[in-house]
Amino acid sequence: MQVPLYQAKAEFFRMLGHPVRIRVLELLQNGPVPVRDLLCEIEIEPSSLSQQLAVLRRSGIVVSIREGSTVSYALAGGDVAELLRAARRILTELLADQTELLAELRQADDRRRALAPGSARRSA
């Protein structure tokens, strides 16, 4: 029985739903990165990084590359990098909207305080 597309998408986003996995994918956007460099950048236990890399590898999003004793990881395709860029654009828009809302709320609070009983006496 085939999995519905919406369910497959949900599983895909669930797989991405870990901060270490997102950080790994960000670091791999510019090309292959040795595991030792990933460890330096992410600062987690090697076993934890290995576990997260295994999840990404099983999903087919990253591939491992062995050169002698060095193991590097790379994105399997460019679409993941584009997805991360799209996520950054969406978050930027959301945060900008939240900043505007926060400014409006602060202005409303300032107006409310200025109109509150006794505020004229305090400012006089």
C-alpha atoms as a PDB file:
ATOM      1  CA  MET A   1       0.000   0.000   0.000  1.00  0.00           C
ATOM      2  CA  GLN A   2       1.393   3.360  -1.057  1.00  0.00           C
ATOM      3  CA  VAL A   3       1.846   6.130   1.525  1.00  0.00           C
ATOM      4  CA  PRO A   4      -0.160   9.288   0.692  1.00  0.00           C
ATOM      5  CA  LEU A   5       1.976  12.198  -0.429  1.00  0.00           C
ATOM      6  CA  TYR A   6       0.941  14.379   2.518  1.00  0.00           C
ATOM      7  CA  GLN A   7       2.063  11.651   4.919  1.00  0.00           C
ATOM      8  CA  ALA A   8       5.393  11.245   3.134  1.00  0.00           C
ATOM      9  CA  LYS A   9       5.908  15.022   3.358  1.00  0.00           C
ATOM     10  CA  ALA A  10       5.090  14.994   7.070  1.00  0.00           C
ATOM     11  CA  GLU A  11       7.635  12.208   7.639  1.00  0.00           C
ATOM     12  CA  PHE A  12      10.207  14.162   5.632  1.00  0.00           C
ATOM     13  CA  PHE A  13       9.727  17.299   7.729  1.00  0.00           C
ATOM     14  CA  ARG A  14       9.725  15.230  10.923  1.00  0.00           C
ATOM     15  CA  MET A  15      13.095  13.807   9.861  1.00  0.00           C
ATOM     16  CA  LEU A  16      14.365  17.388   9.450  1.00  0.00           C
ATOM     17  CA  GLY A  17      12.946  18.335  12.852  1.00  0.00           C
ATOM     18  CA  HIS A  18      16.160  18.113  14.851  1.00  0.00           C
ATOM     19  CA  PRO A  19      18.512  21.079  15.398  1.00  0.00           C
ATOM     20  CA  VAL A  20      21.671  19.018  14.847  1.00  0.00           C
ATOM     21  CA  ARG A  21      20.378  17.687  11.518  1.00  0.00           C
ATOM     22  CA  ILE A  22      19.511  21.187  10.342  1.00  0.00           C
ATOM     23  CA  ARG A  23      22.953  22.452  11.394  1.00  0.00           C
ATOM     24  CA  VAL A  24      24.659  19.597   9.544  1.00  0.00           C
ATOM     25  CA  LEU A  25      22.676  20.392   6.391  1.00  0.00           C
ATOM     26  CA  GLU A  26      23.594  24.079   6.693  1.00  0.00           C
ATOM     27  CA  LEU A  27      27.270  23.194   6.983  1.00  0.00           C
ATOM     28  CA  LEU A  28      27.086  20.909   3.945  1.00  0.00           C
ATOM     29  CA  GLN A  29      25.588  23.555   1.648  1.00  0.00           C
ATOM     30  CA  ASN A  30      29.019  24.606   0.366  1.00  0.00           C
ATOM     31  CA  GLY A  31      30.274  21.105  -0.353  1.00  0.00           C
ATOM     32  CA  PRO A  32      31.555  18.004   1.443  1.00  0.00           C
ATOM     33  CA  VAL A  33      32.713  18.401   5.044  1.00  0.00           C
ATOM     34  CA  PRO A  34      34.847  15.922   7.008  1.00  0.00           C
ATOM     35  CA  VAL A  35      33.231  14.499  10.142  1.00  0.00           C
ATOM     36  CA  ARG A  36      36.001  16.005  12.311  1.00  0.00           C
ATOM     37  CA  ASP A  37      35.068  19.493  11.015  1.00  0.00           C
ATOM     38  CA  LEU A  38      31.377  18.855  11.669  1.00  0.00           C
ATOM     39  CA  LEU A  39      32.261  17.864  15.229  1.00  0.00           C
ATOM     40  CA  CYS A  40      34.245  21.094  15.722  1.00  0.00           C
ATOM     41  CA  GLU A  41      31.414  23.248  14.367  1.00  0.00           C
ATOM     42  CA  ILE A  42      28.520  21.542  16.160  1.00  0.00           C
ATOM     43  CA  GLU A  43      30.283  20.668  19.432  1.00  0.00           C
ATOM     44  CA  ILE A  44      28.387  17.502  20.357  1.00  0.00           C
ATOM     45  CA  GLU A  45      29.518  14.026  21.281  1.00  0.00           C
ATOM     46  CA  PRO A  46      30.793  11.976  18.325  1.00  0.00           C
ATOM     47  CA  SER A  47      28.189   9.275  19.005  1.00  0.00           C
ATOM     48  CA  SER A  48      25.372  11.858  18.860  1.00  0.00           C
ATOM     49  CA  LEU A  49      26.644  13.276  15.578  1.00  0.00           C
ATOM     50  CA  SER A  50      27.013   9.772  14.168  1.00  0.00           C
ATOM     51  CA  GLN A  51      23.414   9.010  15.093  1.00  0.00           C
ATOM     52  CA  GLN A  52      22.117  12.168  13.393  1.00  0.00           C
ATOM     53  CA  LEU A  53      24.241  11.583  10.297  1.00  0.00           C
ATOM     54  CA  ALA A  54      22.834   8.042  10.077  1.00  0.00           C
ATOM     55  CA  VAL A  55      19.283   9.432  10.047  1.00  0.00           C
ATOM     56  CA  LEU A  56      20.182  11.848   7.245  1.00  0.00           C
ATOM     57  CA  ARG A  57      22.016   9.126   5.313  1.00  0.00           C
ATOM     58  CA  ARG A  58      19.095   6.656   5.607  1.00  0.00           C
ATOM     59  CA  SER A  59      16.723   9.332   4.344  1.00  0.00           C
ATOM     60  CA  GLY A  60      18.915   9.826   1.263  1.00  0.00           C
ATOM     61  CA  ILE A  61      19.528  13.530   1.941  1.00  0.00           C
ATOM     62  CA  VAL A  62      23.268  13.136   2.533  1.00  0.00           C
ATOM     63  CA  VAL A  63      25.926  10.771   1.272  1.00  0.00           C
ATOM     64  CA  SER A  64      29.157   9.738   2.909  1.00  0.00           C
ATOM     65  CA  ILE A  65      32.473   9.926   1.074  1.00  0.00           C
ATOM     66  CA  ARG A  66      35.516   8.000   2.282  1.00  0.00           C
ATOM     67  CA  GLU A  67      38.986   9.163   1.269  1.00  0.00           C
ATOM     68  CA  GLY A  68      41.578   7.074   3.081  1.00  0.00           C
ATOM     69  CA  SER A  69      40.804   7.329   6.773  1.00  0.00           C
ATOM     70  CA  THR A  70      38.745  10.534   6.364  1.00  0.00           C
ATOM     71  CA  VAL A  71      34.964  10.333   6.111  1.00  0.00           C
ATOM     72  CA  SER A  72      33.176  13.364   4.737  1.00  0.00           C
ATOM     73  CA  TYR A  73      29.512  14.049   4.168  1.00  0.00           C
ATOM     74  CA  ALA A  74      27.830  15.910   1.326  1.00  0.00           C
ATOM     75  CA  LEU A  75      24.311  16.815   0.303  1.00  0.00           C
ATOM     76  CA  ALA A  76      22.864  14.252  -2.082  1.00  0.00           C
ATOM     77  CA  GLY A  77      21.322  17.032  -4.193  1.00  0.00           C
ATOM     78  CA  GLY A  78      20.921  20.787  -4.437  1.00  0.00           C
ATOM     79  CA  ASP A  79      17.239  20.818  -3.550  1.00  0.00           C
ATOM     80  CA  VAL A  80      17.977  20.535   0.181  1.00  0.00           C
ATOM     81  CA  ALA A  81      20.105  23.692   0.057  1.00  0.00           C
ATOM     82  CA  GLU A  82      17.232  25.466  -1.705  1.00  0.00           C
ATOM     83  CA  LEU A  83      14.808  24.231   0.974  1.00  0.00           C
ATOM     84  CA  LEU A  84      17.075  25.675   3.693  1.00  0.00           C
ATOM     85  CA  ARG A  85      17.249  29.006   1.841  1.00  0.00           C
ATOM     86  CA  ALA A  86      13.449  29.034   1.537  1.00  0.00           C
ATOM     87  CA  ALA A  87      13.124  28.300   5.271  1.00  0.00           C
ATOM     88  CA  ARG A  88      15.445  31.232   6.013  1.00  0.00           C
ATOM     89  CA  ARG A  89      13.321  33.554   3.830  1.00  0.00           C
ATOM     90  CA  ILE A  90      10.103  32.392   5.511  1.00  0.00           C
ATOM     91  CA  LEU A  91      11.560  32.817   9.015  1.00  0.00           C
ATOM     92  CA  THR A  92      12.864  36.268   8.121  1.00  0.00           C
ATOM     93  CA  GLU A  93       9.376  37.331   7.002  1.00  0.00           C
ATOM     94  CA  LEU A  94       7.747  35.849  10.103  1.00  0.00           C
ATOM     95  CA  LEU A  95      10.208  37.543  12.433  1.00  0.00           C
ATOM     96  CA  ALA A  96       9.790  40.864  10.622  1.00  0.00           C
ATOM     97  CA  ASP A  97       6.013  40.592  11.092  1.00  0.00           C
ATOM     98  CA  GLN A  98       6.505  39.773  14.774  1.00  0.00           C
ATOM     99  CA  THR A  99       8.832  42.751  15.208  1.00  0.00           C
ATOM    100  CA  GLU A 100       6.207  45.033  13.670  1.00  0.00           C
ATOM    101  CA  LEU A 101       3.519  43.580  15.937  1.00  0.00           C
ATOM    102  CA  LEU A 102       5.730  44.040  18.997  1.00  0.00           C
ATOM    103  CA  ALA A 103       6.304  47.703  18.078  1.00  0.00           C
ATOM    104  CA  GLU A 104       2.544  48.221  17.691  1.00  0.00           C
ATOM    105  CA  LEU A 105       1.895  46.610  21.072  1.00  0.00           C
ATOM    106  CA  ARG A 106       4.488  48.823  22.733  1.00  0.00           C
ATOM    107  CA  GLN A 107       2.983  51.934  21.156  1.00  0.00           C
ATOM    108  CA  ALA A 108      -0.490  50.904  22.363  1.00  0.00           C
ATOM    109  CA  ASP A 109       0.898  50.379  25.887  1.00  0.00           C
ATOM    110  CA  ASP A 110       2.558  53.800  25.806  1.00  0.00           C
ATOM    111  CA  ARG A 111      -0.724  55.444  24.695  1.00  0.00           C
ATOM    112  CA  ARG A 112      -2.673  53.552  27.363  1.00  0.00           C
ATOM    113  CA  ARG A 113      -0.255  54.693  30.075  1.00  0.00           C
ATOM    114  CA  ALA A 114      -0.427  58.282  28.842  1.00  0.00           C
ATOM    115  CA  LEU A 115      -4.255  58.227  29.031  1.00  0.00           C
ATOM    116  CA  ALA A 116      -4.452  56.389  32.363  1.00  0.00           C
ATOM    117  CA  PRO A 117      -5.922  58.333  35.323  1.00  0.00           C
ATOM    118  CA  GLY A 118      -3.181  60.097  37.246  1.00  0.00           C
ATOM    119  CA  SER A 119      -0.735  60.057  34.355  1.00  0.00           C
ATOM    120  CA  ALA A 120      -1.194  63.804  33.789  1.00  0.00           C
ATOM    121  CA  ARG A 121      -0.285  64.477  37.420  1.00  0.00           C
ATOM    122  CA  ARG A 122       2.863  62.370  37.145  1.00  0.00           C
ATOM    123  CA  SER A 123       4.032  64.136  34.023  1.00  0.00           C
ATOM    124  CA  ALA A 124       3.220  67.634  35.319  1.00  0.00           C
END
